[in-house]
Amino acid sequence: MPNLLYLAIAALSGAAMALQGTLNTALGKIVGIWESTLIVHLVGTVASLLIILVLGIGFGNLGKAGSAPWYVYLGGILNVLIIYAVVRTMPQIGVGNATTAIVVAQLITALIIDNTGAFGMKKVPFHYIDILGIVLLAIGARILFLE
């Protein structure tokens, strides 16, 4: 049962990503792409701060930040790239097409990370049938969003 809960949470994350991209794009049309990226990060920073304060988590673990490998901080830069790319592409190709490209690229990258155990992730063996799954997903997504 716990695996179903985690799958549901992951699915919720996927739905939130499509909605987030749409909202960021709408904001970007009003204030500009880079300005919307900044605003989104500021709102996220305030939201994170409030969650930490309201839940009483505290800031004790921040002292461990110096022991983390340097590359884990690239997530912040990737976040900026992701928001920029989504806001830049969705108005041009639509939410469905952009999300399709995002999901296919996410799966390919996830397979590589799983197979190599990169960045300390659990190593999950690669199976050639995985490629078939990605190809079928890409074909199905393309059919879904034919223009």
C-alpha atoms as a PDB file:
ATOM      1  CA  MET A   1       0.000   0.000   0.000  1.00  0.00           C
ATOM      2  CA  PRO A   2       2.765   2.542   0.707  1.00  0.00           C
ATOM      3  CA  ASN A   3       3.995   2.253  -2.915  1.00  0.00           C
ATOM      4  CA  LEU A   4       0.526   3.278  -4.122  1.00  0.00           C
ATOM      5  CA  LEU A   5       0.677   6.323  -1.852  1.00  0.00           C
ATOM      6  CA  TYR A   6       4.058   7.305  -3.287  1.00  0.00           C
ATOM      7  CA  LEU A   7       2.789   6.777  -6.839  1.00  0.00           C
ATOM      8  CA  ALA A   8      -0.221   8.968  -6.067  1.00  0.00           C
ATOM      9  CA  ILE A   9       2.037  11.685  -4.654  1.00  0.00           C
ATOM     10  CA  ALA A  10       4.253  11.464  -7.751  1.00  0.00           C
ATOM     11  CA  ALA A  11       1.182  11.693 -10.005  1.00  0.00           C
ATOM     12  CA  LEU A  12       0.038  14.754  -8.065  1.00  0.00           C
ATOM     13  CA  SER A  13       3.478  16.234  -8.701  1.00  0.00           C
ATOM     14  CA  GLY A  14       3.077  15.643 -12.439  1.00  0.00           C
ATOM     15  CA  ALA A  15      -0.303  17.355 -12.481  1.00  0.00           C
ATOM     16  CA  ALA A  16       1.138  20.230 -10.452  1.00  0.00           C
ATOM     17  CA  MET A  17       4.003  20.600 -12.951  1.00  0.00           C
ATOM     18  CA  ALA A  18       1.624  21.009 -15.891  1.00  0.00           C
ATOM     19  CA  LEU A  19      -0.464  23.505 -13.919  1.00  0.00           C
ATOM     20  CA  GLN A  20       2.647  25.323 -12.683  1.00  0.00           C
ATOM     21  CA  GLY A  21       3.951  25.679 -16.240  1.00  0.00           C
ATOM     22  CA  THR A  22       0.634  27.100 -17.337  1.00  0.00           C
ATOM     23  CA  LEU A  23       0.521  29.608 -14.474  1.00  0.00           C
ATOM     24  CA  ASN A  24       4.171  30.606 -14.958  1.00  0.00           C
ATOM     25  CA  THR A  25       3.492  31.135 -18.659  1.00  0.00           C
ATOM     26  CA  ALA A  26       0.498  33.341 -17.905  1.00  0.00           C
ATOM     27  CA  LEU A  27       2.632  35.401 -15.513  1.00  0.00           C
ATOM     28  CA  GLY A  28       5.457  35.538 -18.057  1.00  0.00           C
ATOM     29  CA  LYS A  29       3.124  37.024 -20.665  1.00  0.00           C
ATOM     30  CA  ILE A  30       2.361  39.862 -18.251  1.00  0.00           C
ATOM     31  CA  VAL A  31       5.728  40.652 -16.652  1.00  0.00           C
ATOM     32  CA  GLY A  32       8.257  38.941 -18.947  1.00  0.00           C
ATOM     33  CA  ILE A  33      10.014  35.586 -18.861  1.00  0.00           C
ATOM     34  CA  TRP A  34      12.946  36.401 -16.569  1.00  0.00           C
ATOM     35  CA  GLU A  35      10.818  38.564 -14.314  1.00  0.00           C
ATOM     36  CA  SER A  36       8.273  35.762 -13.903  1.00  0.00           C
ATOM     37  CA  THR A  37      11.106  33.322 -13.130  1.00  0.00           C
ATOM     38  CA  LEU A  38      12.314  35.648 -10.361  1.00  0.00           C
ATOM     39  CA  ILE A  39       8.806  36.133  -8.962  1.00  0.00           C
ATOM     40  CA  VAL A  40       8.122  32.386  -8.940  1.00  0.00           C
ATOM     41  CA  HIS A  41      11.352  31.752  -7.008  1.00  0.00           C
ATOM     42  CA  LEU A  42      10.609  34.532  -4.524  1.00  0.00           C
ATOM     43  CA  VAL A  43       7.105  33.176  -3.903  1.00  0.00           C
ATOM     44  CA  GLY A  44       8.566  29.671  -3.520  1.00  0.00           C
ATOM     45  CA  THR A  45      11.161  30.954  -1.041  1.00  0.00           C
ATOM     46  CA  VAL A  46       8.481  32.620   1.075  1.00  0.00           C
ATOM     47  CA  ALA A  47       6.281  29.500   0.895  1.00  0.00           C
ATOM     48  CA  SER A  48       9.189  27.273   2.003  1.00  0.00           C
ATOM     49  CA  LEU A  49      10.009  29.632   4.856  1.00  0.00           C
ATOM     50  CA  LEU A  50       6.395  29.678   6.032  1.00  0.00           C
ATOM     51  CA  ILE A  51       6.148  25.876   5.893  1.00  0.00           C
ATOM     52  CA  ILE A  52       9.310  25.533   7.982  1.00  0.00           C
ATOM     53  CA  LEU A  53       8.027  28.049  10.529  1.00  0.00           C
ATOM     54  CA  VAL A  54       4.428  26.795  10.700  1.00  0.00           C
ATOM     55  CA  LEU A  55       5.451  23.141  11.015  1.00  0.00           C
ATOM     56  CA  GLY A  56       8.118  24.036  13.565  1.00  0.00           C
ATOM     57  CA  ILE A  57      10.805  22.190  11.638  1.00  0.00           C
ATOM     58  CA  GLY A  58      13.459  24.743  12.476  1.00  0.00           C
ATOM     59  CA  PHE A  59      16.698  25.522  10.701  1.00  0.00           C
ATOM     60  CA  GLY A  60      19.021  23.115  12.536  1.00  0.00           C
ATOM     61  CA  ASN A  61      19.797  21.051   9.444  1.00  0.00           C
ATOM     62  CA  LEU A  62      20.968  24.073   7.454  1.00  0.00           C
ATOM     63  CA  GLY A  63      24.321  23.715   9.203  1.00  0.00           C
ATOM     64  CA  LYS A  64      24.840  20.494   7.240  1.00  0.00           C
ATOM     65  CA  ALA A  65      24.663  22.332   3.909  1.00  0.00           C
ATOM     66  CA  GLY A  66      28.430  22.747   3.818  1.00  0.00           C
ATOM     67  CA  SER A  67      28.941  18.979   3.837  1.00  0.00           C
ATOM     68  CA  ALA A  68      26.834  18.426   0.708  1.00  0.00           C
ATOM     69  CA  PRO A  69      28.677  17.824  -2.564  1.00  0.00           C
ATOM     70  CA  TRP A  70      28.979  20.928  -4.748  1.00  0.00           C
ATOM     71  CA  TYR A  71      26.888  19.511  -7.580  1.00  0.00           C
ATOM     72  CA  VAL A  72      23.705  19.242  -5.511  1.00  0.00           C
ATOM     73  CA  TYR A  73      23.431  23.022  -5.587  1.00  0.00           C
ATOM     74  CA  LEU A  74      23.058  22.943  -9.362  1.00  0.00           C
ATOM     75  CA  GLY A  75      19.382  22.137  -8.698  1.00  0.00           C
ATOM     76  CA  GLY A  76      18.764  25.843  -8.142  1.00  0.00           C
ATOM     77  CA  ILE A  77      20.265  26.691 -11.522  1.00  0.00           C
ATOM     78  CA  LEU A  78      18.299  23.884 -13.153  1.00  0.00           C
ATOM     79  CA  ASN A  79      15.140  25.285 -11.555  1.00  0.00           C
ATOM     80  CA  VAL A  80      15.749  28.613 -13.297  1.00  0.00           C
ATOM     81  CA  LEU A  81      16.397  26.825 -16.595  1.00  0.00           C
ATOM     82  CA  ILE A  82      13.240  24.725 -16.232  1.00  0.00           C
ATOM     83  CA  ILE A  83      10.982  27.677 -15.501  1.00  0.00           C
ATOM     84  CA  TYR A  84      12.499  29.717 -18.334  1.00  0.00           C
ATOM     85  CA  ALA A  85      12.151  26.850 -20.826  1.00  0.00           C
ATOM     86  CA  VAL A  86       8.544  26.146 -19.854  1.00  0.00           C
ATOM     87  CA  VAL A  87       7.496  29.805 -19.994  1.00  0.00           C
ATOM     88  CA  ARG A  88       9.308  30.214 -23.337  1.00  0.00           C
ATOM     89  CA  THR A  89       7.880  27.121 -25.041  1.00  0.00           C
ATOM     90  CA  MET A  90       4.296  26.711 -23.834  1.00  0.00           C
ATOM     91  CA  PRO A  91       2.951  29.798 -25.620  1.00  0.00           C
ATOM     92  CA  GLN A  92       4.635  28.628 -28.843  1.00  0.00           C
ATOM     93  CA  ILE A  93       3.721  24.920 -28.927  1.00  0.00           C
ATOM     94  CA  GLY A  94       0.989  24.570 -26.293  1.00  0.00           C
ATOM     95  CA  VAL A  95       0.838  23.033 -22.841  1.00  0.00           C
ATOM     96  CA  GLY A  96       0.228  19.507 -24.141  1.00  0.00           C
ATOM     97  CA  ASN A  97       3.135  19.449 -26.589  1.00  0.00           C
ATOM     98  CA  ALA A  98       5.528  21.068 -24.125  1.00  0.00           C
ATOM     99  CA  THR A  99       4.494  18.712 -21.336  1.00  0.00           C
ATOM    100  CA  THR A 100       4.901  15.735 -23.673  1.00  0.00           C
ATOM    101  CA  ALA A 101       8.466  16.750 -24.506  1.00  0.00           C
ATOM    102  CA  ILE A 102       9.160  17.330 -20.811  1.00  0.00           C
ATOM    103  CA  VAL A 103       7.836  13.916 -19.773  1.00  0.00           C
ATOM    104  CA  VAL A 104       9.696  12.011 -22.490  1.00  0.00           C
ATOM    105  CA  ALA A 105      12.968  13.803 -21.621  1.00  0.00           C
ATOM    106  CA  GLN A 106      12.347  13.203 -17.906  1.00  0.00           C
ATOM    107  CA  LEU A 107      11.895   9.484 -18.489  1.00  0.00           C
ATOM    108  CA  ILE A 108      15.028   9.159 -20.595  1.00  0.00           C
ATOM    109  CA  THR A 109      17.048  11.067 -17.995  1.00  0.00           C
ATOM    110  CA  ALA A 110      15.483   9.059 -15.164  1.00  0.00           C
ATOM    111  CA  LEU A 111      16.415   5.785 -16.867  1.00  0.00           C
ATOM    112  CA  ILE A 112      20.028   6.944 -17.167  1.00  0.00           C
ATOM    113  CA  ILE A 113      20.138   8.030 -13.507  1.00  0.00           C
ATOM    114  CA  ASP A 114      18.482   4.795 -12.352  1.00  0.00           C
ATOM    115  CA  ASN A 115      20.813   2.640 -14.398  1.00  0.00           C
ATOM    116  CA  THR A 116      23.973   4.365 -13.204  1.00  0.00           C
ATOM    117  CA  GLY A 117      22.879   5.151  -9.640  1.00  0.00           C
ATOM    118  CA  ALA A 118      24.124   8.689 -10.284  1.00  0.00           C
ATOM    119  CA  PHE A 119      24.145  11.244  -7.469  1.00  0.00           C
ATOM    120  CA  GLY A 120      23.670   8.573  -4.830  1.00  0.00           C
ATOM    121  CA  MET A 121      20.328   7.361  -6.127  1.00  0.00           C
ATOM    122  CA  LYS A 122      19.272   3.736  -5.845  1.00  0.00           C
ATOM    123  CA  LYS A 123      20.653   1.777  -8.788  1.00  0.00           C
ATOM    124  CA  VAL A 124      17.867   0.188 -10.805  1.00  0.00           C
ATOM    125  CA  PRO A 125      18.883  -2.221 -13.571  1.00  0.00           C
ATOM    126  CA  PHE A 126      18.202  -1.232 -17.173  1.00  0.00           C
ATOM    127  CA  HIS A 127      16.027  -3.462 -19.343  1.00  0.00           C
ATOM    128  CA  TYR A 128      15.793  -3.072 -23.112  1.00  0.00           C
ATOM    129  CA  ILE A 129      12.007  -3.138 -22.828  1.00  0.00           C
ATOM    130  CA  ASP A 130      12.379   0.276 -21.128  1.00  0.00           C
ATOM    131  CA  ILE A 131      13.347   1.733 -24.509  1.00  0.00           C
ATOM    132  CA  LEU A 132      10.193   0.286 -26.049  1.00  0.00           C
ATOM    133  CA  GLY A 133       8.164   1.926 -23.297  1.00  0.00           C
ATOM    134  CA  ILE A 134       9.689   5.325 -24.006  1.00  0.00           C
ATOM    135  CA  VAL A 135       9.250   4.942 -27.767  1.00  0.00           C
ATOM    136  CA  LEU A 136       5.592   3.961 -27.326  1.00  0.00           C
ATOM    137  CA  LEU A 137       5.053   6.867 -24.933  1.00  0.00           C
ATOM    138  CA  ALA A 138       6.583   9.294 -27.428  1.00  0.00           C
ATOM    139  CA  ILE A 139       4.498   7.880 -30.290  1.00  0.00           C
ATOM    140  CA  GLY A 140       1.325   7.973 -28.209  1.00  0.00           C
ATOM    141  CA  ALA A 141       2.022  11.516 -27.078  1.00  0.00           C
ATOM    142  CA  ARG A 142       2.671  12.629 -30.647  1.00  0.00           C
ATOM    143  CA  ILE A 143      -0.593  11.054 -31.799  1.00  0.00           C
ATOM    144  CA  LEU A 144      -2.416  12.742 -28.931  1.00  0.00           C
ATOM    145  CA  PHE A 145      -1.118  16.172 -29.929  1.00  0.00           C
ATOM    146  CA  LEU A 146      -1.147  15.976 -33.724  1.00  0.00           C
ATOM    147  CA  GLU A 147      -1.618  19.368 -35.256  1.00  0.00           C
END
